[in-house]
Protein backbone atom coordinates (compact mmCIF):
# COMPACT_ATOMS: atom_id res chain seq x y z
CA MET A 1 0.00 0.00 0.00
CA MET A 2 1.27 3.44 -0.82
CA ALA A 3 1.69 6.10 1.83
CA ASP A 4 -0.64 8.43 -0.09
CA LYS A 5 -3.55 5.99 0.30
CA VAL A 6 -6.62 7.55 1.92
CA MET A 7 -8.79 5.31 4.10
CA THR A 8 -12.15 5.85 5.71
CA ARG A 9 -12.67 4.82 9.33
CA ASP A 10 -14.56 1.76 8.08
CA GLU A 11 -11.63 0.73 5.88
CA LEU A 12 -9.17 1.31 8.74
CA ALA A 13 -11.28 -0.94 10.99
CA LYS A 14 -10.51 -3.92 8.71
CA TYR A 15 -6.81 -3.66 9.63
CA ASN A 16 -7.27 -4.84 13.20
CA GLY A 17 -4.45 -7.39 13.39
CA GLN A 18 -6.92 -10.29 13.53
CA ALA A 19 -7.29 -13.27 11.16
CA GLY A 20 -4.05 -12.53 9.34
CA GLN A 21 -4.80 -8.85 8.73
CA PRO A 22 -2.12 -6.24 9.34
CA ALA A 23 -2.57 -3.96 12.35
CA TYR A 24 -2.94 -0.25 11.55
CA VAL A 25 -3.67 2.69 13.82
CA ALA A 26 -4.36 6.32 13.00
CA VAL A 27 -2.92 9.26 14.91
CA GLU A 28 -3.62 12.87 13.89
CA GLY A 29 -4.87 11.70 10.49
CA VAL A 30 -1.81 9.58 9.66
CA ILE A 31 -2.16 5.79 9.47
CA TYR A 32 0.72 3.72 10.83
CA ASP A 33 1.43 -0.01 10.46
CA VAL A 34 2.03 -1.45 13.95
CA SER A 35 2.02 -5.09 12.75
CA ALA A 36 5.74 -5.68 13.32
CA ASN A 37 5.74 -4.08 16.76
CA PRO A 38 5.77 -6.87 19.40
CA ALA A 39 3.73 -4.67 21.74
CA TRP A 40 0.83 -4.91 19.26
CA GLN A 41 0.72 -8.72 19.13
CA GLY A 42 -2.76 -9.82 18.04
CA GLY A 43 -3.83 -6.24 17.30
CA ARG A 44 -3.99 -5.17 20.97
CA HIS A 45 -1.78 -2.97 23.13
CA HIS A 46 -2.69 -2.09 26.73
CA GLY A 47 -6.41 -2.38 26.01
CA ASN A 48 -6.25 -0.40 22.76
CA LEU A 49 -7.29 -2.08 19.54
CA ALA A 50 -5.73 -1.75 16.11
CA GLY A 51 -7.96 -0.55 13.30
CA GLN A 52 -8.91 2.65 15.13
CA ASP A 53 -8.03 6.30 15.44
CA LEU A 54 -6.00 6.44 18.65
CA THR A 55 -5.16 10.15 18.57
CA ASP A 56 -6.84 10.95 21.89
CA VAL A 57 -5.40 7.88 23.63
CA LEU A 58 -1.86 8.55 22.43
CA LEU A 59 -1.85 12.27 23.13
CA GLU A 60 -3.71 12.22 26.45
CA LYS A 61 -3.08 8.87 28.13
CA SER A 62 0.06 7.32 26.68
CA PRO A 63 3.25 7.59 28.76
CA HIS A 64 5.42 7.62 25.62
CA GLY A 65 3.39 10.03 23.48
CA LYS A 66 4.06 10.50 19.78
CA ARG A 67 7.75 9.61 19.91
CA VAL A 68 6.89 5.92 19.33
CA LEU A 69 5.48 6.77 15.91
CA LYS A 70 8.74 7.90 14.33
CA ASP A 71 9.93 4.36 13.61
CA LEU A 72 6.61 3.01 12.31
CA PRO A 73 5.84 2.71 8.59
CA VAL A 74 3.26 5.19 7.33
CA VAL A 75 0.69 3.48 5.12
CA GLY A 76 -1.69 6.32 4.41
CA ARG A 77 -3.95 8.92 5.88
CA LEU A 78 -7.41 8.95 7.37
CA ALA A 79 -10.22 10.50 5.34
CA GLU A 80 -11.79 13.52 7.02
């Protein structure tokens, strides 16, 4: 998938890390592939699920904030 791909929230929801699907999350409109990150095994990380916009969770509740995103592949952006 190209990084300029635009996905709706419904399309993003399909990439939940379940049943062989990759695990994607959106933050501030950018969609990241978290599939290779061991912390996202099975599409879950500390109660958060892949296939969702996690902007609020990452910016308000995450101890590591946005710095964890810098090493993740960008796969597209979320449609407004």
